[in-house]
Amino acid sequence: MIYLCNKNIMAYNYDEESVNAIIKWAETAQLPNEVVLSEAEHITDTSIYVRANINDIKQHYPDGFYNPAITRLYRLKEFVEGTTE
């Protein structure tokens, strides 16, 4: 298993353009089937994970209560692209 250790937390953008960009990335990225982001975050099917978060975002954006769905996509992108320390 591969763990994401995010010691350098990025500031994420929640404006409409940034949110649309992260959704587009998630819909088109080559994703592994399984990812372990932390001890508490073991994603066994990334396609379901991505679709669930995108559905929350599309249904509720710009309600800030749903920003964690956006954050989850950013964190997955960091893992996939290896942009964390």
PDB file of N, CA and C in Angstrom:
ATOM      1  N   MET A   1       0.835  -1.183   0.000  1.00  0.00           N
ATOM      2  CA  MET A   1       0.000   0.000   0.000  1.00  0.00           C
ATOM      3  C   MET A   1       0.880   1.247   0.000  1.00  0.00           C
ATOM      4  N   ILE A   2       0.394   2.281  -0.638  1.00  0.00           N
ATOM      5  CA  ILE A   2       1.091   3.551  -0.693  1.00  0.00           C
ATOM      6  C   ILE A   2       0.320   4.543   0.162  1.00  0.00           C
ATOM      7  N   TYR A   3       1.032   5.261   1.025  1.00  0.00           N
ATOM      8  CA  TYR A   3       0.400   6.254   1.888  1.00  0.00           C
ATOM      9  C   TYR A   3       0.774   7.659   1.448  1.00  0.00           C
ATOM     10  N   LEU A   4      -0.179   8.541   1.508  1.00  0.00           N
ATOM     11  CA  LEU A   4       0.067   9.958   1.260  1.00  0.00           C
ATOM     12  C   LEU A   4       0.360  10.595   2.602  1.00  0.00           C
ATOM     13  N   CYS A   5       1.490  11.224   2.713  1.00  0.00           N
ATOM     14  CA  CYS A   5       1.842  11.926   3.941  1.00  0.00           C
ATOM     15  C   CYS A   5       1.914  13.404   3.606  1.00  0.00           C
ATOM     16  N   ASN A   6       0.877  14.124   3.915  1.00  0.00           N
ATOM     17  CA  ASN A   6       0.770  15.522   3.511  1.00  0.00           C
ATOM     18  C   ASN A   6       1.222  16.424   4.646  1.00  0.00           C
ATOM     19  N   LYS A   7       2.523  16.679   4.722  1.00  0.00           N
ATOM     20  CA  LYS A   7       3.052  17.548   5.760  1.00  0.00           C
ATOM     21  C   LYS A   7       2.993  19.007   5.352  1.00  0.00           C
ATOM     22  N   ASN A   8       2.889  19.242   4.068  1.00  0.00           N
ATOM     23  CA  ASN A   8       2.899  20.597   3.540  1.00  0.00           C
ATOM     24  C   ASN A   8       1.515  20.875   2.948  1.00  0.00           C
ATOM     25  N   ILE A   9       0.574  21.264   3.773  1.00  0.00           N
ATOM     26  CA  ILE A   9      -0.808  21.425   3.341  1.00  0.00           C
ATOM     27  C   ILE A   9      -0.940  22.641   2.428  1.00  0.00           C
ATOM     28  N   MET A  10      -1.484  22.395   1.256  1.00  0.00           N
ATOM     29  CA  MET A  10      -1.685  23.468   0.278  1.00  0.00           C
ATOM     30  C   MET A  10      -2.946  24.244   0.612  1.00  0.00           C
ATOM     31  N   ALA A  11      -2.977  25.451   0.143  1.00  0.00           N
ATOM     32  CA  ALA A  11      -4.203  26.232   0.215  1.00  0.00           C
ATOM     33  C   ALA A  11      -4.980  25.917  -1.054  1.00  0.00           C
ATOM     34  N   TYR A  12      -6.182  25.449  -0.900  1.00  0.00           N
ATOM     35  CA  TYR A  12      -7.001  25.075  -2.046  1.00  0.00           C
ATOM     36  C   TYR A  12      -7.916  26.233  -2.427  1.00  0.00           C
ATOM     37  N   ASN A  13      -8.231  26.320  -3.704  1.00  0.00           N
ATOM     38  CA  ASN A  13      -9.124  27.357  -4.203  1.00  0.00           C
ATOM     39  C   ASN A  13     -10.509  26.779  -4.411  1.00  0.00           C
ATOM     40  N   TYR A  14     -11.516  27.542  -3.992  1.00  0.00           N
ATOM     41  CA  TYR A  14     -12.897  27.088  -4.093  1.00  0.00           C
ATOM     42  C   TYR A  14     -13.731  27.987  -4.999  1.00  0.00           C
ATOM     43  N   ASP A  15     -13.059  28.853  -5.771  1.00  0.00           N
ATOM     44  CA  ASP A  15     -13.801  29.684  -6.726  1.00  0.00           C
ATOM     45  C   ASP A  15     -14.286  28.794  -7.872  1.00  0.00           C
ATOM     46  N   GLU A  16     -15.262  29.286  -8.613  1.00  0.00           N
ATOM     47  CA  GLU A  16     -15.918  28.463  -9.630  1.00  0.00           C
ATOM     48  C   GLU A  16     -14.948  27.931 -10.682  1.00  0.00           C
ATOM     49  N   GLU A  17     -14.027  28.765 -11.131  1.00  0.00           N
ATOM     50  CA  GLU A  17     -13.071  28.331 -12.159  1.00  0.00           C
ATOM     51  C   GLU A  17     -12.178  27.197 -11.641  1.00  0.00           C
ATOM     52  N   SER A  18     -11.703  27.325 -10.416  1.00  0.00           N
ATOM     53  CA  SER A  18     -10.848  26.297  -9.821  1.00  0.00           C
ATOM     54  C   SER A  18     -11.615  25.004  -9.582  1.00  0.00           C
ATOM     55  N   VAL A  19     -12.848  25.131  -9.124  1.00  0.00           N
ATOM     56  CA  VAL A  19     -13.676  23.949  -8.872  1.00  0.00           C
ATOM     57  C   VAL A  19     -13.959  23.222 -10.191  1.00  0.00           C
ATOM     58  N   ASN A  20     -14.284  23.963 -11.231  1.00  0.00           N
ATOM     59  CA  ASN A  20     -14.510  23.333 -12.539  1.00  0.00           C
ATOM     60  C   ASN A  20     -13.244  22.637 -13.040  1.00  0.00           C
ATOM     61  N   ALA A  21     -12.085  23.239 -12.787  1.00  0.00           N
ATOM     62  CA  ALA A  21     -10.817  22.649 -13.223  1.00  0.00           C
ATOM     63  C   ALA A  21     -10.527  21.343 -12.484  1.00  0.00           C
ATOM     64  N   ILE A  22     -10.770  21.298 -11.171  1.00  0.00           N
ATOM     65  CA  ILE A  22     -10.489  20.075 -10.422  1.00  0.00           C
ATOM     66  C   ILE A  22     -11.485  18.983 -10.803  1.00  0.00           C
ATOM     67  N   ILE A  23     -12.726  19.348 -11.090  1.00  0.00           N
ATOM     68  CA  ILE A  23     -13.707  18.358 -11.558  1.00  0.00           C
ATOM     69  C   ILE A  23     -13.260  17.790 -12.898  1.00  0.00           C
ATOM     70  N   LYS A  24     -12.853  18.664 -13.810  1.00  0.00           N
ATOM     71  CA  LYS A  24     -12.404  18.204 -15.132  1.00  0.00           C
ATOM     72  C   LYS A  24     -11.200  17.280 -14.977  1.00  0.00           C
ATOM     73  N   TRP A  25     -10.268  17.653 -14.108  1.00  0.00           N
ATOM     74  CA  TRP A  25      -9.115  16.785 -13.869  1.00  0.00           C
ATOM     75  C   TRP A  25      -9.581  15.408 -13.390  1.00  0.00           C
ATOM     76  N   ALA A  26     -10.468  15.381 -12.398  1.00  0.00           N
ATOM     77  CA  ALA A  26     -10.923  14.120 -11.811  1.00  0.00           C
ATOM     78  C   ALA A  26     -11.651  13.251 -12.830  1.00  0.00           C
ATOM     79  N   GLU A  27     -12.373  13.886 -13.734  1.00  0.00           N
ATOM     80  CA  GLU A  27     -13.120  13.132 -14.740  1.00  0.00           C
ATOM     81  C   GLU A  27     -12.217  12.558 -15.833  1.00  0.00           C
ATOM     82  N   THR A  28     -11.044  13.126 -16.034  1.00  0.00           N
ATOM     83  CA  THR A  28     -10.189  12.712 -17.144  1.00  0.00           C
ATOM     84  C   THR A  28      -8.875  12.057 -16.730  1.00  0.00           C
ATOM     85  N   ALA A  29      -8.531  12.104 -15.463  1.00  0.00           N
ATOM     86  CA  ALA A  29      -7.241  11.586 -15.008  1.00  0.00           C
ATOM     87  C   ALA A  29      -7.187  10.069 -15.057  1.00  0.00           C
ATOM     88  N   GLN A  30      -5.979   9.563 -15.283  1.00  0.00           N
ATOM     89  CA  GLN A  30      -5.711   8.127 -15.167  1.00  0.00           C
ATOM     90  C   GLN A  30      -5.503   7.849 -13.676  1.00  0.00           C
ATOM     91  N   LEU A  31      -6.450   7.176 -13.066  1.00  0.00           N
ATOM     92  CA  LEU A  31      -6.399   6.959 -11.623  1.00  0.00           C
ATOM     93  C   LEU A  31      -6.110   5.503 -11.302  1.00  0.00           C
ATOM     94  N   PRO A  32      -5.352   5.257 -10.242  1.00  0.00           N
ATOM     95  CA  PRO A  32      -5.184   3.871  -9.789  1.00  0.00           C
ATOM     96  C   PRO A  32      -6.518   3.378  -9.242  1.00  0.00           C
ATOM     97  N   ASN A  33      -6.683   2.073  -9.193  1.00  0.00           N
ATOM     98  CA  ASN A  33      -7.937   1.517  -8.678  1.00  0.00           C
ATOM     99  C   ASN A  33      -8.091   1.742  -7.186  1.00  0.00           C
ATOM    100  N   GLU A  34      -6.978   1.702  -6.474  1.00  0.00           N
ATOM    101  CA  GLU A  34      -6.998   1.778  -5.008  1.00  0.00           C
ATOM    102  C   GLU A  34      -5.939   2.755  -4.542  1.00  0.00           C
ATOM    103  N   VAL A  35      -6.268   3.558  -3.523  1.00  0.00           N
ATOM    104  CA  VAL A  35      -5.359   4.567  -2.989  1.00  0.00           C
ATOM    105  C   VAL A  35      -5.518   4.611  -1.472  1.00  0.00           C
ATOM    106  N   VAL A  36      -4.404   4.784  -0.773  1.00  0.00           N
ATOM    107  CA  VAL A  36      -4.428   5.002   0.665  1.00  0.00           C
ATOM    108  C   VAL A  36      -3.854   6.390   0.902  1.00  0.00           C
ATOM    109  N   LEU A  37      -4.723   7.331   1.222  1.00  0.00           N
ATOM    110  CA  LEU A  37      -4.296   8.704   1.452  1.00  0.00           C
ATOM    111  C   LEU A  37      -3.758   8.921   2.859  1.00  0.00           C
ATOM    112  N   SER A  38      -4.262   8.142   3.803  1.00  0.00           N
ATOM    113  CA  SER A  38      -3.808   8.217   5.192  1.00  0.00           C
ATOM    114  C   SER A  38      -4.272   6.946   5.893  1.00  0.00           C
ATOM    115  N   GLU A  39      -3.958   6.827   7.170  1.00  0.00           N
ATOM    116  CA  GLU A  39      -4.416   5.651   7.922  1.00  0.00           C
ATOM    117  C   GLU A  39      -5.935   5.544   7.928  1.00  0.00           C
ATOM    118  N   ALA A  40      -6.603   6.684   7.865  1.00  0.00           N
ATOM    119  CA  ALA A  40      -8.058   6.705   7.940  1.00  0.00           C
ATOM    120  C   ALA A  40      -8.742   6.793   6.575  1.00  0.00           C
ATOM    121  N   GLU A  41      -7.951   6.946   5.509  1.00  0.00           N
ATOM    122  CA  GLU A  41      -8.523   7.142   4.181  1.00  0.00           C
ATOM    123  C   GLU A  41      -7.987   6.103   3.200  1.00  0.00           C
ATOM    124  N   HIS A  42      -8.659   4.971   3.144  1.00  0.00           N
ATOM    125  CA  HIS A  42      -8.315   3.898   2.221  1.00  0.00           C
ATOM    126  C   HIS A  42      -9.420   3.825   1.175  1.00  0.00           C
ATOM    127  N   ILE A  43      -9.109   4.285  -0.020  1.00  0.00           N
ATOM    128  CA  ILE A  43     -10.085   4.321  -1.111  1.00  0.00           C
ATOM    129  C   ILE A  43      -9.922   3.033  -1.899  1.00  0.00           C
ATOM    130  N   THR A  44     -10.917   2.176  -1.873  1.00  0.00           N
ATOM    131  CA  THR A  44     -10.820   0.887  -2.554  1.00  0.00           C
ATOM    132  C   THR A  44     -11.273   0.955  -4.010  1.00  0.00           C
ATOM    133  N   ASP A  45     -12.026   1.977  -4.373  1.00  0.00           N
ATOM    134  CA  ASP A  45     -12.462   2.157  -5.766  1.00  0.00           C
ATOM    135  C   ASP A  45     -12.470   3.649  -6.075  1.00  0.00           C
ATOM    136  N   THR A  46     -11.422   4.128  -6.705  1.00  0.00           N
ATOM    137  CA  THR A  46     -11.309   5.563  -6.946  1.00  0.00           C
ATOM    138  C   THR A  46     -12.383   6.088  -7.885  1.00  0.00           C
ATOM    139  N   SER A  47     -12.890   5.259  -8.795  1.00  0.00           N
ATOM    140  CA  SER A  47     -13.928   5.754  -9.707  1.00  0.00           C
ATOM    141  C   SER A  47     -15.210   6.089  -8.951  1.00  0.00           C
ATOM    142  N   ILE A  48     -15.575   5.279  -7.984  1.00  0.00           N
ATOM    143  CA  ILE A  48     -16.759   5.560  -7.165  1.00  0.00           C
ATOM    144  C   ILE A  48     -16.496   6.774  -6.271  1.00  0.00           C
ATOM    145  N   TYR A  49     -15.327   6.847  -5.693  1.00  0.00           N
ATOM    146  CA  TYR A  49     -14.926   7.964  -4.828  1.00  0.00           C
ATOM    147  C   TYR A  49     -15.022   9.285  -5.582  1.00  0.00           C
ATOM    148  N   VAL A  50     -14.454   9.321  -6.788  1.00  0.00           N
ATOM    149  CA  VAL A  50     -14.482  10.530  -7.609  1.00  0.00           C
ATOM    150  C   VAL A  50     -15.911  10.892  -7.978  1.00  0.00           C
ATOM    151  N   ARG A  51     -16.683   9.941  -8.431  1.00  0.00           N
ATOM    152  CA  ARG A  51     -18.060  10.206  -8.859  1.00  0.00           C
ATOM    153  C   ARG A  51     -18.897  10.726  -7.684  1.00  0.00           C
ATOM    154  N   ALA A  52     -18.744  10.156  -6.500  1.00  0.00           N
ATOM    155  CA  ALA A  52     -19.509  10.600  -5.329  1.00  0.00           C
ATOM    156  C   ALA A  52     -19.172  12.046  -4.973  1.00  0.00           C
ATOM    157  N   ASN A  53     -17.888  12.385  -4.982  1.00  0.00           N
ATOM    158  CA  ASN A  53     -17.483  13.757  -4.658  1.00  0.00           C
ATOM    159  C   ASN A  53     -17.953  14.742  -5.725  1.00  0.00           C
ATOM    160  N   ILE A  54     -17.830  14.383  -6.987  1.00  0.00           N
ATOM    161  CA  ILE A  54     -18.300  15.258  -8.068  1.00  0.00           C
ATOM    162  C   ILE A  54     -19.804  15.473  -7.961  1.00  0.00           C
ATOM    163  N   ASN A  55     -20.549  14.428  -7.659  1.00  0.00           N
ATOM    164  CA  ASN A  55     -22.006  14.574  -7.512  1.00  0.00           C
ATOM    165  C   ASN A  55     -22.352  15.539  -6.383  1.00  0.00           C
ATOM    166  N   ASP A  56     -21.662  15.430  -5.248  1.00  0.00           N
ATOM    167  CA  ASP A  56     -21.888  16.372  -4.139  1.00  0.00           C
ATOM    168  C   ASP A  56     -21.596  17.805  -4.571  1.00  0.00           C
ATOM    169  N   ILE A  57     -20.473  17.987  -5.252  1.00  0.00           N
ATOM    170  CA  ILE A  57     -20.084  19.327  -5.684  1.00  0.00           C
ATOM    171  C   ILE A  57     -21.112  19.900  -6.654  1.00  0.00           C
ATOM    172  N   LYS A  58     -21.471  19.124  -7.658  1.00  0.00           N
ATOM    173  CA  LYS A  58     -22.408  19.618  -8.679  1.00  0.00           C
ATOM    174  C   LYS A  58     -23.782  19.917  -8.091  1.00  0.00           C
ATOM    175  N   GLN A  59     -24.188  19.152  -7.104  1.00  0.00           N
ATOM    176  CA  GLN A  59     -25.507  19.361  -6.514  1.00  0.00           C
ATOM    177  C   GLN A  59     -25.534  20.536  -5.538  1.00  0.00           C
ATOM    178  N   HIS A  60     -24.417  20.810  -4.859  1.00  0.00           N
ATOM    179  CA  HIS A  60     -24.455  21.774  -3.760  1.00  0.00           C
ATOM    180  C   HIS A  60     -23.568  23.004  -3.904  1.00  0.00           C
ATOM    181  N   TYR A  61     -22.681  23.030  -4.871  1.00  0.00           N
ATOM    182  CA  TYR A  61     -21.793  24.181  -5.020  1.00  0.00           C
ATOM    183  C   TYR A  61     -22.612  25.425  -5.310  1.00  0.00           C
ATOM    184  N   PRO A  62     -22.355  26.555  -4.670  1.00  0.00           N
ATOM    185  CA  PRO A  62     -21.186  26.957  -3.890  1.00  0.00           C
ATOM    186  C   PRO A  62     -21.358  26.863  -2.374  1.00  0.00           C
ATOM    187  N   ASP A  63     -22.262  26.035  -1.882  1.00  0.00           N
ATOM    188  CA  ASP A  63     -22.448  25.881  -0.439  1.00  0.00           C
ATOM    189  C   ASP A  63     -21.140  25.410   0.192  1.00  0.00           C
ATOM    190  N   GLY A  64     -20.540  26.246   1.033  1.00  0.00           N
ATOM    191  CA  GLY A  64     -19.252  25.955   1.650  1.00  0.00           C
ATOM    192  C   GLY A  64     -19.239  24.713   2.517  1.00  0.00           C
ATOM    193  N   PHE A  65     -20.410  24.260   2.949  1.00  0.00           N
ATOM    194  CA  PHE A  65     -20.492  23.047   3.753  1.00  0.00           C
ATOM    195  C   PHE A  65     -19.936  21.850   2.985  1.00  0.00           C
ATOM    196  N   TYR A  66     -19.996  21.915   1.656  1.00  0.00           N
ATOM    197  CA  TYR A  66     -19.547  20.813   0.808  1.00  0.00           C
ATOM    198  C   TYR A  66     -18.127  21.003   0.287  1.00  0.00           C
ATOM    199  N   ASN A  67     -17.403  22.003   0.777  1.00  0.00           N
ATOM    200  CA  ASN A  67     -16.011  22.194   0.370  1.00  0.00           C
ATOM    201  C   ASN A  67     -15.131  20.976   0.640  1.00  0.00           C
ATOM    202  N   PRO A  68     -15.402  20.163   1.660  1.00  0.00           N
ATOM    203  CA  PRO A  68     -14.580  18.959   1.840  1.00  0.00           C
ATOM    204  C   PRO A  68     -14.601  18.028   0.624  1.00  0.00           C
ATOM    205  N   ALA A  69     -15.685  18.003  -0.133  1.00  0.00           N
ATOM    206  CA  ALA A  69     -15.721  17.180  -1.353  1.00  0.00           C
ATOM    207  C   ALA A  69     -14.703  17.700  -2.360  1.00  0.00           C
ATOM    208  N   ILE A  70     -14.570  19.008  -2.437  1.00  0.00           N
ATOM    209  CA  ILE A  70     -13.584  19.628  -3.327  1.00  0.00           C
ATOM    210  C   ILE A  70     -12.177  19.325  -2.816  1.00  0.00           C
ATOM    211  N   THR A  71     -11.981  19.456  -1.521  1.00  0.00           N
ATOM    212  CA  THR A  71     -10.687  19.176  -0.912  1.00  0.00           C
ATOM    213  C   THR A  71     -10.265  17.736  -1.172  1.00  0.00           C
ATOM    214  N   ARG A  72     -11.201  16.806  -1.088  1.00  0.00           N
ATOM    215  CA  ARG A  72     -10.867  15.406  -1.341  1.00  0.00           C
ATOM    216  C   ARG A  72     -10.339  15.209  -2.761  1.00  0.00           C
ATOM    217  N   LEU A  73     -10.912  15.912  -3.737  1.00  0.00           N
ATOM    218  CA  LEU A  73     -10.412  15.797  -5.110  1.00  0.00           C
ATOM    219  C   LEU A  73      -9.017  16.401  -5.225  1.00  0.00           C
ATOM    220  N   TYR A  74      -8.781  17.541  -4.572  1.00  0.00           N
ATOM    221  CA  TYR A  74      -7.442  18.133  -4.576  1.00  0.00           C
ATOM    222  C   TYR A  74      -6.419  17.170  -3.971  1.00  0.00           C
ATOM    223  N   ARG A  75      -6.764  16.547  -2.869  1.00  0.00           N
ATOM    224  CA  ARG A  75      -5.835  15.625  -2.202  1.00  0.00           C
ATOM    225  C   ARG A  75      -5.563  14.399  -3.064  1.00  0.00           C
ATOM    226  N   LEU A  76      -6.588  13.899  -3.760  1.00  0.00           N
ATOM    227  CA  LEU A  76      -6.391  12.778  -4.670  1.00  0.00           C
ATOM    228  C   LEU A  76      -5.458  13.189  -5.806  1.00  0.00           C
ATOM    229  N   LYS A  77      -5.643  14.389  -6.326  1.00  0.00           N
ATOM    230  CA  LYS A  77      -4.776  14.893  -7.392  1.00  0.00           C
ATOM    231  C   LYS A  77      -3.334  14.979  -6.903  1.00  0.00           C
ATOM    232  N   GLU A  78      -3.119  15.484  -5.696  1.00  0.00           N
ATOM    233  CA  GLU A  78      -1.777  15.553  -5.128  1.00  0.00           C
ATOM    234  C   GLU A  78      -1.137  14.176  -5.064  1.00  0.00           C
ATOM    235  N   PHE A  79      -1.920  13.204  -4.637  1.00  0.00           N
ATOM    236  CA  PHE A  79      -1.404  11.839  -4.536  1.00  0.00           C
ATOM    237  C   PHE A  79      -1.027  11.297  -5.912  1.00  0.00           C
ATOM    238  N   VAL A  80      -1.939  11.415  -6.858  1.00  0.00           N
ATOM    239  CA  VAL A  80      -1.736  10.870  -8.198  1.00  0.00           C
ATOM    240  C   VAL A  80      -0.562  11.531  -8.894  1.00  0.00           C
ATOM    241  N   GLU A  81      -0.447  12.830  -8.728  1.00  0.00           N
ATOM    242  CA  GLU A  81       0.626  13.566  -9.399  1.00  0.00           C
ATOM    243  C   GLU A  81       1.906  13.640  -8.576  1.00  0.00           C
ATOM    244  N   GLY A  82       1.853  13.091  -7.358  1.00  0.00           N
ATOM    245  CA  GLY A  82       3.043  13.068  -6.509  1.00  0.00           C
ATOM    246  C   GLY A  82       3.532  14.425  -6.095  1.00  0.00           C
ATOM    247  N   THR A  83       2.601  15.355  -5.814  1.00  0.00           N
ATOM    248  CA  THR A  83       2.986  16.717  -5.480  1.00  0.00           C
ATOM    249  C   THR A  83       2.987  16.999  -3.989  1.00  0.00           C
ATOM    250  N   THR A  84       3.040  15.959  -3.160  1.00  0.00           N
ATOM    251  CA  THR A  84       3.128  16.170  -1.717  1.00  0.00           C
ATOM    252  C   THR A  84       4.497  15.721  -1.242  1.00  0.00           C
ATOM    253  N   GLU A  85       4.854  16.156  -0.083  1.00  0.00           N
ATOM    254  CA  GLU A  85       6.138  15.751   0.515  1.00  0.00           C
ATOM    255  C   GLU A  85       5.940  14.500   1.337  1.00  0.00           C
TER     256      GLU A  85
END
